[in-house]
């Protein structure tokens, strides 16, 4: 065989590939495995073929106006996709027949969400000034996702300013509600204001104004406590000033200058009013010594002097 014949023979063998065993010599188990594998593969191919494939193109098929002013629903490939406002609609020329990419759709969804959240925040701010925390909590409650860019936009337009909010909050609560600085400070902390902004706000509340407000509040309390003993009125005023958040030095200054002490006649008239009420109430359950002792104990706990209490009891005995 010539060299040329050997090359032709080798080329023919490469073309044919390695020899395979006849079917009669194949392992029956191997046949079954092979057949089962084909079935599984066939099933997978069918399953994959049944999956809905993503559309090749995304085309706006309808632009529908919402009931809400200046807002629109965008439909893509005859299915609702996302809402937008009139600014986005014009800016991106979202008209029927326009083709969009998947990335453009996602970007428009996010912008639409932000626009809606921003409008909601503006509506929330219409009623009064708000702290940053109040607006964030509001947007979370309304389940908006793009909160951070909304807050940044509000700050850019100077619609959120916690320092100015703190000043306004102090002025409002001190002048209209007669609250003390400690109560106002706690309230500002609950609204998420920083310590720095709180201190800046409290600078608006002078010592003179604190004393003036504390006196006004004390006088209001006294008007409601006229039928009480001098000691009880004193306690009620002090307690109210503490509850309202005034400092101890301001409270003491007010108490030292407030005319709470009543004359003996005024004190006795207040005692008689309370004494008559408690006698009537206790008389339903007690008689004789028990009735007298319980009435005296009650009046003494209200701050009346013992000599006035005895005077009242003796008068009641004489009337019997």
C-alpha atoms as a PDB file:
ATOM      1  CA  UNK A   1       0.000   0.000   0.000  1.00  0.00           C
ATOM      2  CA  UNK A   2       1.415   3.289  -1.001  1.00  0.00           C
ATOM      3  CA  UNK A   3       1.824   6.251   1.357  1.00  0.00           C
ATOM      4  CA  UNK A   4      -1.022   8.037  -0.404  1.00  0.00           C
ATOM      5  CA  UNK A   5      -3.387   5.061   0.152  1.00  0.00           C
ATOM      6  CA  UNK A   6      -2.561   5.015   3.892  1.00  0.00           C
ATOM      7  CA  UNK A   7      -3.432   8.721   4.244  1.00  0.00           C
ATOM      8  CA  UNK A   8      -6.790   8.200   2.477  1.00  0.00           C
ATOM      9  CA  UNK A   9      -7.608   5.238   4.748  1.00  0.00           C
ATOM     10  CA  UNK A  10      -6.780   7.249   7.938  1.00  0.00           C
ATOM     11  CA  UNK A  11      -8.921  10.146   6.768  1.00  0.00           C
ATOM     12  CA  UNK A  12     -11.843   7.791   6.153  1.00  0.00           C
ATOM     13  CA  UNK A  13     -11.584   6.369   9.700  1.00  0.00           C
ATOM     14  CA  UNK A  14     -11.596   9.888  11.257  1.00  0.00           C
ATOM     15  CA  UNK A  15     -14.668  10.757   9.245  1.00  0.00           C
ATOM     16  CA  UNK A  16     -16.540   7.632  10.337  1.00  0.00           C
ATOM     17  CA  UNK A  17     -15.613   8.037  14.047  1.00  0.00           C
ATOM     18  CA  UNK A  18     -15.043   5.215  16.583  1.00  0.00           C
ATOM     19  CA  UNK A  19     -16.833   1.923  16.016  1.00  0.00           C
ATOM     20  CA  UNK A  20     -19.965   1.284  18.176  1.00  0.00           C
ATOM     21  CA  UNK A  21     -21.254  -2.027  19.499  1.00  0.00           C
ATOM     22  CA  UNK A  22     -24.228  -3.597  17.811  1.00  0.00           C
ATOM     23  CA  UNK A  23     -27.644  -3.247  19.452  1.00  0.00           C
ATOM     24  CA  UNK A  24     -27.725  -6.919  20.303  1.00  0.00           C
ATOM     25  CA  UNK A  25     -24.560  -6.478  22.363  1.00  0.00           C
ATOM     26  CA  UNK A  26     -25.770  -3.425  24.326  1.00  0.00           C
ATOM     27  CA  UNK A  27     -26.560  -3.679  28.060  1.00  0.00           C
ATOM     28  CA  UNK A  28     -30.387  -3.849  28.584  1.00  0.00           C
ATOM     29  CA  UNK A  29     -30.096  -1.735  31.775  1.00  0.00           C
ATOM     30  CA  UNK A  30     -28.170   0.903  29.885  1.00  0.00           C
ATOM     31  CA  UNK A  31     -30.950   0.954  27.275  1.00  0.00           C
ATOM     32  CA  UNK A  32     -33.576   1.656  29.960  1.00  0.00           C
ATOM     33  CA  UNK A  33     -31.492   4.441  31.502  1.00  0.00           C
ATOM     34  CA  UNK A  34     -31.002   6.001  28.124  1.00  0.00           C
ATOM     35  CA  UNK A  35     -34.731   5.857  27.340  1.00  0.00           C
ATOM     36  CA  UNK A  36     -35.644   7.323  30.734  1.00  0.00           C
ATOM     37  CA  UNK A  37     -33.131  10.106  30.240  1.00  0.00           C
ATOM     38  CA  UNK A  38     -34.689  10.968  26.907  1.00  0.00           C
ATOM     39  CA  UNK A  39     -38.153  11.171  28.501  1.00  0.00           C
ATOM     40  CA  UNK A  40     -36.922  13.451  31.309  1.00  0.00           C
ATOM     41  CA  UNK A  41     -35.117  15.665  28.855  1.00  0.00           C
ATOM     42  CA  UNK A  42     -38.173  15.802  26.654  1.00  0.00           C
ATOM     43  CA  UNK A  43     -40.336  16.804  29.653  1.00  0.00           C
ATOM     44  CA  UNK A  44     -37.926  19.576  30.636  1.00  0.00           C
ATOM     45  CA  UNK A  45     -37.900  20.915  27.118  1.00  0.00           C
ATOM     46  CA  UNK A  46     -41.703  21.010  27.076  1.00  0.00           C
ATOM     47  CA  UNK A  47     -41.775  22.739  30.497  1.00  0.00           C
ATOM     48  CA  UNK A  48     -39.321  25.366  29.344  1.00  0.00           C
ATOM     49  CA  UNK A  49     -41.278  25.896  26.160  1.00  0.00           C
ATOM     50  CA  UNK A  50     -44.453  26.523  28.225  1.00  0.00           C
ATOM     51  CA  UNK A  51     -42.881  29.409  30.200  1.00  0.00           C
ATOM     52  CA  UNK A  52     -44.242  32.812  29.117  1.00  0.00           C
ATOM     53  CA  UNK A  53     -41.468  34.578  27.318  1.00  0.00           C
ATOM     54  CA  UNK A  54     -40.810  38.262  27.865  1.00  0.00           C
ATOM     55  CA  UNK A  55     -42.009  40.464  25.046  1.00  0.00           C
ATOM     56  CA  UNK A  56     -39.430  41.631  22.554  1.00  0.00           C
ATOM     57  CA  UNK A  57     -40.819  45.157  22.642  1.00  0.00           C
ATOM     58  CA  UNK A  58     -42.668  47.299  25.203  1.00  0.00           C
ATOM     59  CA  UNK A  59     -45.097  49.655  23.531  1.00  0.00           C
ATOM     60  CA  UNK A  60     -47.441  52.161  25.189  1.00  0.00           C
ATOM     61  CA  UNK A  61     -50.917  51.083  24.102  1.00  0.00           C
ATOM     62  CA  UNK A  62     -53.010  53.478  26.214  1.00  0.00           C
ATOM     63  CA  UNK A  63     -52.652  56.649  28.286  1.00  0.00           C
ATOM     64  CA  UNK A  64     -55.615  57.020  30.654  1.00  0.00           C
ATOM     65  CA  UNK A  65     -56.392  60.095  32.763  1.00  0.00           C
ATOM     66  CA  UNK A  66     -57.051  59.413  36.451  1.00  0.00           C
ATOM     67  CA  UNK A  67     -59.756  61.051  38.544  1.00  0.00           C
ATOM     68  CA  UNK A  68     -56.949  62.745  40.451  1.00  0.00           C
ATOM     69  CA  UNK A  69     -55.908  65.995  38.804  1.00  0.00           C
ATOM     70  CA  UNK A  70     -52.843  65.866  36.500  1.00  0.00           C
ATOM     71  CA  UNK A  71     -52.256  62.128  36.945  1.00  0.00           C
ATOM     72  CA  UNK A  72     -52.345  59.387  34.302  1.00  0.00           C
ATOM     73  CA  UNK A  73     -52.193  55.595  34.027  1.00  0.00           C
ATOM     74  CA  UNK A  74     -49.806  54.125  31.459  1.00  0.00           C
ATOM     75  CA  UNK A  75     -50.663  50.819  29.760  1.00  0.00           C
ATOM     76  CA  UNK A  76     -47.940  48.802  28.042  1.00  0.00           C
ATOM     77  CA  UNK A  77     -48.788  45.966  25.660  1.00  0.00           C
ATOM     78  CA  UNK A  78     -52.449  46.352  26.716  1.00  0.00           C
ATOM     79  CA  UNK A  79     -51.658  45.870  30.434  1.00  0.00           C
ATOM     80  CA  UNK A  80     -51.557  48.480  33.222  1.00  0.00           C
ATOM     81  CA  UNK A  81     -47.910  49.352  33.916  1.00  0.00           C
ATOM     82  CA  UNK A  82     -47.533  52.420  36.161  1.00  0.00           C
ATOM     83  CA  UNK A  83     -48.937  55.877  37.012  1.00  0.00           C
ATOM     84  CA  UNK A  84     -47.301  59.221  36.164  1.00  0.00           C
ATOM     85  CA  UNK A  85     -48.041  62.908  36.650  1.00  0.00           C
ATOM     86  CA  UNK A  86     -48.354  65.454  33.863  1.00  0.00           C
ATOM     87  CA  UNK A  87     -44.710  66.543  34.237  1.00  0.00           C
ATOM     88  CA  UNK A  88     -43.377  63.039  33.567  1.00  0.00           C
ATOM     89  CA  UNK A  89     -45.894  62.577  30.783  1.00  0.00           C
ATOM     90  CA  UNK A  90     -44.650  65.655  28.922  1.00  0.00           C
ATOM     91  CA  UNK A  91     -40.983  65.330  29.850  1.00  0.00           C
ATOM     92  CA  UNK A  92     -40.704  61.774  28.474  1.00  0.00           C
ATOM     93  CA  UNK A  93     -43.300  62.174  25.690  1.00  0.00           C
ATOM     94  CA  UNK A  94     -45.298  59.205  26.932  1.00  0.00           C
ATOM     95  CA  UNK A  95     -47.768  58.880  24.083  1.00  0.00           C
ATOM     96  CA  UNK A  96     -49.577  55.945  22.567  1.00  0.00           C
ATOM     97  CA  UNK A  97     -47.331  53.929  20.288  1.00  0.00           C
ATOM     98  CA  UNK A  98     -44.055  54.923  21.925  1.00  0.00           C
ATOM     99  CA  UNK A  99     -41.614  52.052  22.442  1.00  0.00           C
ATOM    100  CA  UNK A 100     -39.783  51.730  25.772  1.00  0.00           C
ATOM    101  CA  UNK A 101     -36.997  49.531  27.076  1.00  0.00           C
ATOM    102  CA  UNK A 102     -37.327  47.486  30.248  1.00  0.00           C
ATOM    103  CA  UNK A 103     -34.846  49.810  31.970  1.00  0.00           C
ATOM    104  CA  UNK A 104     -36.821  52.895  30.948  1.00  0.00           C
ATOM    105  CA  UNK A 105     -40.008  51.380  32.361  1.00  0.00           C
ATOM    106  CA  UNK A 106     -38.358  50.686  35.734  1.00  0.00           C
ATOM    107  CA  UNK A 107     -36.954  54.216  35.843  1.00  0.00           C
ATOM    108  CA  UNK A 108     -40.375  55.702  35.045  1.00  0.00           C
ATOM    109  CA  UNK A 109     -42.019  53.568  37.733  1.00  0.00           C
ATOM    110  CA  UNK A 110     -39.561  54.885  40.319  1.00  0.00           C
ATOM    111  CA  UNK A 111     -40.002  58.490  39.181  1.00  0.00           C
ATOM    112  CA  UNK A 112     -43.773  58.076  39.248  1.00  0.00           C
ATOM    113  CA  UNK A 113     -43.646  56.679  42.782  1.00  0.00           C
ATOM    114  CA  UNK A 114     -41.443  59.546  43.915  1.00  0.00           C
ATOM    115  CA  UNK A 115     -43.704  62.143  42.312  1.00  0.00           C
ATOM    116  CA  UNK A 116     -46.759  60.701  44.023  1.00  0.00           C
ATOM    117  CA  UNK A 117     -44.996  60.576  47.389  1.00  0.00           C
ATOM    118  CA  UNK A 118     -43.742  64.131  46.979  1.00  0.00           C
ATOM    119  CA  UNK A 119     -47.263  65.394  46.322  1.00  0.00           C
ATOM    120  CA  UNK A 120     -48.510  63.500  49.387  1.00  0.00           C
ATOM    121  CA  UNK A 121     -45.802  65.144  51.500  1.00  0.00           C
ATOM    122  CA  UNK A 122     -46.754  68.596  50.177  1.00  0.00           C
ATOM    123  CA  UNK A 123     -50.377  67.939  51.090  1.00  0.00           C
ATOM    124  CA  UNK A 124     -49.284  66.883  54.598  1.00  0.00           C
ATOM    125  CA  UNK A 125     -47.285  70.112  54.931  1.00  0.00           C
ATOM    126  CA  UNK A 126     -50.243  72.262  53.888  1.00  0.00           C
ATOM    127  CA  UNK A 127     -51.761  72.178  57.370  1.00  0.00           C
ATOM    128  CA  UNK A 128     -48.711  73.225  59.402  1.00  0.00           C
ATOM    129  CA  UNK A 129     -44.931  72.955  59.650  1.00  0.00           C
ATOM    130  CA  UNK A 130     -43.591  69.438  60.184  1.00  0.00           C
ATOM    131  CA  UNK A 131     -40.315  67.968  61.355  1.00  0.00           C
ATOM    132  CA  UNK A 132     -38.330  65.659  59.092  1.00  0.00           C
ATOM    133  CA  UNK A 133     -39.232  62.673  61.289  1.00  0.00           C
ATOM    134  CA  UNK A 134     -42.944  63.485  61.089  1.00  0.00           C
ATOM    135  CA  UNK A 135     -42.827  63.488  57.278  1.00  0.00           C
ATOM    136  CA  UNK A 136     -40.768  60.285  57.118  1.00  0.00           C
ATOM    137  CA  UNK A 137     -43.219  58.548  59.483  1.00  0.00           C
ATOM    138  CA  UNK A 138     -46.129  59.782  57.366  1.00  0.00           C
ATOM    139  CA  UNK A 139     -44.599  58.436  54.126  1.00  0.00           C
ATOM    140  CA  UNK A 140     -43.792  55.101  55.787  1.00  0.00           C
ATOM    141  CA  UNK A 141     -47.374  54.862  57.024  1.00  0.00           C
ATOM    142  CA  UNK A 142     -48.582  55.496  53.454  1.00  0.00           C
ATOM    143  CA  UNK A 143     -46.168  52.756  52.242  1.00  0.00           C
ATOM    144  CA  UNK A 144     -44.099  54.899  49.877  1.00  0.00           C
ATOM    145  CA  UNK A 145     -40.756  53.360  48.908  1.00  0.00           C
ATOM    146  CA  UNK A 146     -38.737  56.319  47.562  1.00  0.00           C
ATOM    147  CA  UNK A 147     -38.633  58.240  50.842  1.00  0.00           C
ATOM    148  CA  UNK A 148     -35.011  59.408  50.840  1.00  0.00           C
ATOM    149  CA  UNK A 149     -35.142  61.299  47.502  1.00  0.00           C
ATOM    150  CA  UNK A 150     -38.491  62.822  48.518  1.00  0.00           C
ATOM    151  CA  UNK A 151     -36.970  64.185  51.732  1.00  0.00           C
ATOM    152  CA  UNK A 152     -33.944  65.536  49.852  1.00  0.00           C
ATOM    153  CA  UNK A 153     -36.196  67.332  47.366  1.00  0.00           C
ATOM    154  CA  UNK A 154     -38.231  68.873  50.197  1.00  0.00           C
ATOM    155  CA  UNK A 155     -35.016  70.092  51.823  1.00  0.00           C
ATOM    156  CA  UNK A 156     -33.784  71.537  48.523  1.00  0.00           C
ATOM    157  CA  UNK A 157     -36.979  73.589  48.270  1.00  0.00           C
ATOM    158  CA  UNK A 158     -36.640  74.605  51.956  1.00  0.00           C
ATOM    159  CA  UNK A 159     -39.880  72.873  52.859  1.00  0.00           C
ATOM    160  CA  UNK A 160     -38.135  70.944  55.653  1.00  0.00           C
ATOM    161  CA  UNK A 161     -35.955  72.802  58.137  1.00  0.00           C
ATOM    162  CA  UNK A 162     -35.835  71.315  61.626  1.00  0.00           C
ATOM    163  CA  UNK A 163     -34.077  74.343  63.126  1.00  0.00           C
ATOM    164  CA  UNK A 164     -36.800  76.747  61.953  1.00  0.00           C
ATOM    165  CA  UNK A 165     -39.419  74.206  62.957  1.00  0.00           C
ATOM    166  CA  UNK A 166     -37.978  74.110  66.504  1.00  0.00           C
ATOM    167  CA  UNK A 167     -38.175  77.905  66.809  1.00  0.00           C
ATOM    168  CA  UNK A 168     -41.767  77.955  65.571  1.00  0.00           C
ATOM    169  CA  UNK A 169     -42.731  75.061  67.854  1.00  0.00           C
ATOM    170  CA  UNK A 170     -41.370  76.853  70.941  1.00  0.00           C
ATOM    171  CA  UNK A 171     -43.133  80.110  70.066  1.00  0.00           C
ATOM    172  CA  UNK A 172     -46.463  78.359  69.480  1.00  0.00           C
ATOM    173  CA  UNK A 173     -46.419  76.158  72.581  1.00  0.00           C
ATOM    174  CA  UNK A 174     -45.170  78.879  74.910  1.00  0.00           C
ATOM    175  CA  UNK A 175     -47.519  81.646  73.786  1.00  0.00           C
ATOM    176  CA  UNK A 176     -50.675  79.690  72.998  1.00  0.00           C
ATOM    177  CA  UNK A 177     -50.440  76.728  75.376  1.00  0.00           C
ATOM    178  CA  UNK A 178     -48.468  78.362  78.226  1.00  0.00           C
ATOM    179  CA  UNK A 179     -46.182  75.325  78.391  1.00  0.00           C
ATOM    180  CA  UNK A 180     -42.868  75.362  80.222  1.00  0.00           C
ATOM    181  CA  UNK A 181     -39.498  74.690  78.552  1.00  0.00           C
ATOM    182  CA  UNK A 182     -39.083  71.140  79.892  1.00  0.00           C
ATOM    183  CA  UNK A 183     -42.418  69.991  78.482  1.00  0.00           C
ATOM    184  CA  UNK A 184     -41.673  71.659  75.143  1.00  0.00           C
ATOM    185  CA  UNK A 185     -38.226  70.053  75.070  1.00  0.00           C
ATOM    186  CA  UNK A 186     -39.729  66.571  75.575  1.00  0.00           C
ATOM    187  CA  UNK A 187     -42.273  67.170  72.820  1.00  0.00           C
ATOM    188  CA  UNK A 188     -39.571  68.281  70.364  1.00  0.00           C
ATOM    189  CA  UNK A 189     -37.533  65.179  71.174  1.00  0.00           C
ATOM    190  CA  UNK A 190     -40.542  63.008  70.328  1.00  0.00           C
ATOM    191  CA  UNK A 191     -40.728  64.766  66.956  1.00  0.00           C
ATOM    192  CA  UNK A 192     -37.194  63.646  66.158  1.00  0.00           C
ATOM    193  CA  UNK A 193     -35.428  66.993  66.469  1.00  0.00           C
ATOM    194  CA  UNK A 194     -31.714  66.949  67.228  1.00  0.00           C
ATOM    195  CA  UNK A 195     -30.361  68.243  70.539  1.00  0.00           C
ATOM    196  CA  UNK A 196     -28.778  71.154  68.686  1.00  0.00           C
ATOM    197  CA  UNK A 197     -32.071  72.185  67.047  1.00  0.00           C
ATOM    198  CA  UNK A 198     -33.924  71.809  70.356  1.00  0.00           C
ATOM    199  CA  UNK A 199     -31.496  74.134  72.152  1.00  0.00           C
ATOM    200  CA  UNK A 200     -31.733  76.650  69.304  1.00  0.00           C
ATOM    201  CA  UNK A 201     -35.510  76.595  69.608  1.00  0.00           C
ATOM    202  CA  UNK A 202     -35.447  77.016  73.397  1.00  0.00           C
ATOM    203  CA  UNK A 203     -33.321  80.153  72.994  1.00  0.00           C
ATOM    204  CA  UNK A 204     -36.584  81.775  71.858  1.00  0.00           C
ATOM    205  CA  UNK A 205     -38.056  81.232  75.346  1.00  0.00           C
ATOM    206  CA  UNK A 206     -36.691  83.928  77.661  1.00  0.00           C
ATOM    207  CA  UNK A 207     -36.752  83.676  81.466  1.00  0.00           C
ATOM    208  CA  UNK A 208     -39.080  86.674  81.636  1.00  0.00           C
ATOM    209  CA  UNK A 209     -41.578  84.995  79.318  1.00  0.00           C
ATOM    210  CA  UNK A 210     -41.403  81.793  81.362  1.00  0.00           C
ATOM    211  CA  UNK A 211     -42.320  83.694  84.547  1.00  0.00           C
ATOM    212  CA  UNK A 212     -45.094  85.569  82.746  1.00  0.00           C
ATOM    213  CA  UNK A 213     -46.585  82.332  81.385  1.00  0.00           C
ATOM    214  CA  UNK A 214     -46.278  80.570  84.744  1.00  0.00           C
ATOM    215  CA  UNK A 215     -48.186  83.398  86.458  1.00  0.00           C
ATOM    216  CA  UNK A 216     -50.956  83.258  83.835  1.00  0.00           C
ATOM    217  CA  UNK A 217     -51.245  79.491  84.266  1.00  0.00           C
ATOM    218  CA  UNK A 218     -51.251  79.783  88.077  1.00  0.00           C
ATOM    219  CA  UNK A 219     -54.069  82.334  87.957  1.00  0.00           C
ATOM    220  CA  UNK A 220     -56.112  79.997  85.762  1.00  0.00           C
ATOM    221  CA  UNK A 221     -55.647  77.207  88.290  1.00  0.00           C
ATOM    222  CA  UNK A 222     -56.668  79.464  91.183  1.00  0.00           C
ATOM    223  CA  UNK A 223     -59.938  80.365  89.472  1.00  0.00           C
ATOM    224  CA  UNK A 224     -60.857  76.681  89.421  1.00  0.00           C
ATOM    225  CA  UNK A 225     -59.807  76.113  93.037  1.00  0.00           C
ATOM    226  CA  UNK A 226     -61.599  78.941  94.846  1.00  0.00           C
ATOM    227  CA  UNK A 227     -63.622  76.587  97.051  1.00  0.00           C
ATOM    228  CA  UNK A 228     -60.480  74.918  98.397  1.00  0.00           C
ATOM    229  CA  UNK A 229     -58.236  75.652 101.350  1.00  0.00           C
ATOM    230  CA  UNK A 230     -55.233  77.936 100.903  1.00  0.00           C
ATOM    231  CA  UNK A 231     -52.886  74.981 101.382  1.00  0.00           C
ATOM    232  CA  UNK A 232     -54.681  72.856  98.787  1.00  0.00           C
ATOM    233  CA  UNK A 233     -54.728  75.731  96.292  1.00  0.00           C
ATOM    234  CA  UNK A 234     -51.000  76.162  96.835  1.00  0.00           C
ATOM    235  CA  UNK A 235     -50.418  72.462  96.155  1.00  0.00           C
ATOM    236  CA  UNK A 236     -52.610  72.485  93.034  1.00  0.00           C
ATOM    237  CA  UNK A 237     -50.809  75.489  91.542  1.00  0.00           C
ATOM    238  CA  UNK A 238     -47.349  74.067  92.240  1.00  0.00           C
ATOM    239  CA  UNK A 239     -48.336  70.671  90.827  1.00  0.00           C
ATOM    240  CA  UNK A 240     -49.763  72.218  87.643  1.00  0.00           C
ATOM    241  CA  UNK A 241     -46.646  74.309  87.045  1.00  0.00           C
ATOM    242  CA  UNK A 242     -44.424  71.251  87.453  1.00  0.00           C
ATOM    243  CA  UNK A 243     -46.621  69.173  85.128  1.00  0.00           C
ATOM    244  CA  UNK A 244     -46.506  71.967  82.545  1.00  0.00           C
ATOM    245  CA  UNK A 245     -42.711  71.804  82.456  1.00  0.00           C
ATOM    246  CA  UNK A 246     -41.559  74.929  84.279  1.00  0.00           C
ATOM    247  CA  UNK A 247     -38.194  75.032  86.040  1.00  0.00           C
ATOM    248  CA  UNK A 248     -38.113  74.896  89.857  1.00  0.00           C
ATOM    249  CA  UNK A 249     -36.652  78.424  90.167  1.00  0.00           C
ATOM    250  CA  UNK A 250     -39.464  79.856  88.032  1.00  0.00           C
ATOM    251  CA  UNK A 251     -42.080  77.969  90.066  1.00  0.00           C
ATOM    252  CA  UNK A 252     -40.674  79.271  93.344  1.00  0.00           C
ATOM    253  CA  UNK A 253     -40.551  82.817  92.011  1.00  0.00           C
ATOM    254  CA  UNK A 254     -44.223  82.583  91.039  1.00  0.00           C
ATOM    255  CA  UNK A 255     -45.294  81.000  94.335  1.00  0.00           C
ATOM    256  CA  UNK A 256     -43.491  83.703  96.327  1.00  0.00           C
ATOM    257  CA  UNK A 257     -45.375  86.454  94.515  1.00  0.00           C
ATOM    258  CA  UNK A 258     -48.763  84.799  94.084  1.00  0.00           C
ATOM    259  CA  UNK A 259     -51.522  85.867  96.465  1.00  0.00           C
ATOM    260  CA  UNK A 260     -52.963  82.526  97.450  1.00  0.00           C
ATOM    261  CA  UNK A 261     -53.631  82.990 101.167  1.00  0.00           C
ATOM    262  CA  UNK A 262     -57.291  83.667 101.911  1.00  0.00           C
ATOM    263  CA  UNK A 263     -58.755  85.540 104.848  1.00  0.00           C
ATOM    264  CA  UNK A 264     -60.203  83.471 107.693  1.00  0.00           C
ATOM    265  CA  UNK A 265     -63.720  84.234 106.475  1.00  0.00           C
ATOM    266  CA  UNK A 266     -62.913  83.109 102.900  1.00  0.00           C
ATOM    267  CA  UNK A 267     -61.203  79.992 104.209  1.00  0.00           C
ATOM    268  CA  UNK A 268     -64.162  79.146 106.428  1.00  0.00           C
ATOM    269  CA  UNK A 269     -66.648  79.624 103.590  1.00  0.00           C
ATOM    270  CA  UNK A 270     -64.635  77.222 101.440  1.00  0.00           C
ATOM    271  CA  UNK A 271     -64.485  74.748 104.340  1.00  0.00           C
ATOM    272  CA  UNK A 272     -68.259  74.858 104.850  1.00  0.00           C
ATOM    273  CA  UNK A 273     -68.938  74.072 101.183  1.00  0.00           C
ATOM    274  CA  UNK A 274     -66.671  71.051 101.233  1.00  0.00           C
ATOM    275  CA  UNK A 275     -67.796  70.054 104.719  1.00  0.00           C
ATOM    276  CA  UNK A 276     -71.500  70.021 103.796  1.00  0.00           C
ATOM    277  CA  UNK A 277     -70.796  67.794 100.792  1.00  0.00           C
ATOM    278  CA  UNK A 278     -68.694  65.284 102.691  1.00  0.00           C
ATOM    279  CA  UNK A 279     -71.128  65.146 105.625  1.00  0.00           C
ATOM    280  CA  UNK A 280     -74.004  64.315 103.281  1.00  0.00           C
ATOM    281  CA  UNK A 281     -71.947  61.604 101.577  1.00  0.00           C
ATOM    282  CA  UNK A 282     -70.627  60.010 104.781  1.00  0.00           C
ATOM    283  CA  UNK A 283     -74.043  60.165 106.494  1.00  0.00           C
ATOM    284  CA  UNK A 284     -75.240  57.403 104.143  1.00  0.00           C
ATOM    285  CA  UNK A 285     -72.831  54.945 105.800  1.00  0.00           C
ATOM    286  CA  UNK A 286     -71.825  56.361 109.202  1.00  0.00           C
ATOM    287  CA  UNK A 287     -73.489  57.795 112.302  1.00  0.00           C
ATOM    288  CA  UNK A 288     -72.435  59.569 115.496  1.00  0.00           C
ATOM    289  CA  UNK A 289     -68.743  59.486 116.363  1.00  0.00           C
ATOM    290  CA  UNK A 290     -67.697  57.693 113.140  1.00  0.00           C
ATOM    291  CA  UNK A 291     -69.412  60.336 111.020  1.00  0.00           C
ATOM    292  CA  UNK A 292     -67.764  63.226 112.894  1.00  0.00           C
ATOM    293  CA  UNK A 293     -64.273  61.689 112.962  1.00  0.00           C
ATOM    294  CA  UNK A 294     -64.293  60.814 109.262  1.00  0.00           C
ATOM    295  CA  UNK A 295     -65.536  64.277 108.301  1.00  0.00           C
ATOM    296  CA  UNK A 296     -62.833  65.964 110.389  1.00  0.00           C
ATOM    297  CA  UNK A 297     -60.137  63.708 108.880  1.00  0.00           C
ATOM    298  CA  UNK A 298     -61.271  64.553 105.358  1.00  0.00           C
ATOM    299  CA  UNK A 299     -61.254  68.317 105.952  1.00  0.00           C
ATOM    300  CA  UNK A 300     -57.869  68.158 107.641  1.00  0.00           C
ATOM    301  CA  UNK A 301     -56.429  66.275 104.625  1.00  0.00           C
ATOM    302  CA  UNK A 302     -57.614  69.158 102.440  1.00  0.00           C
ATOM    303  CA  UNK A 303     -55.430  71.597 104.365  1.00  0.00           C
ATOM    304  CA  UNK A 304     -57.953  73.362 106.571  1.00  0.00           C
ATOM    305  CA  UNK A 305     -56.741  74.461 110.019  1.00  0.00           C
ATOM    306  CA  UNK A 306     -58.041  72.399 112.946  1.00  0.00           C
ATOM    307  CA  UNK A 307     -59.689  75.398 114.686  1.00  0.00           C
ATOM    308  CA  UNK A 308     -61.890  76.077 111.628  1.00  0.00           C
ATOM    309  CA  UNK A 309     -62.765  72.390 111.352  1.00  0.00           C
ATOM    310  CA  UNK A 310     -63.829  72.312 115.028  1.00  0.00           C
ATOM    311  CA  UNK A 311     -65.886  75.473 114.496  1.00  0.00           C
ATOM    312  CA  UNK A 312     -67.727  73.822 111.611  1.00  0.00           C
ATOM    313  CA  UNK A 313     -68.390  70.599 113.560  1.00  0.00           C
ATOM    314  CA  UNK A 314     -69.665  72.494 116.611  1.00  0.00           C
ATOM    315  CA  UNK A 315     -72.035  74.536 114.453  1.00  0.00           C
ATOM    316  CA  UNK A 316     -73.407  71.341 112.905  1.00  0.00           C
ATOM    317  CA  UNK A 317     -73.969  69.863 116.372  1.00  0.00           C
ATOM    318  CA  UNK A 318     -75.849  72.983 117.463  1.00  0.00           C
ATOM    319  CA  UNK A 319     -78.087  72.767 114.397  1.00  0.00           C
ATOM    320  CA  UNK A 320     -79.168  69.206 115.233  1.00  0.00           C
END
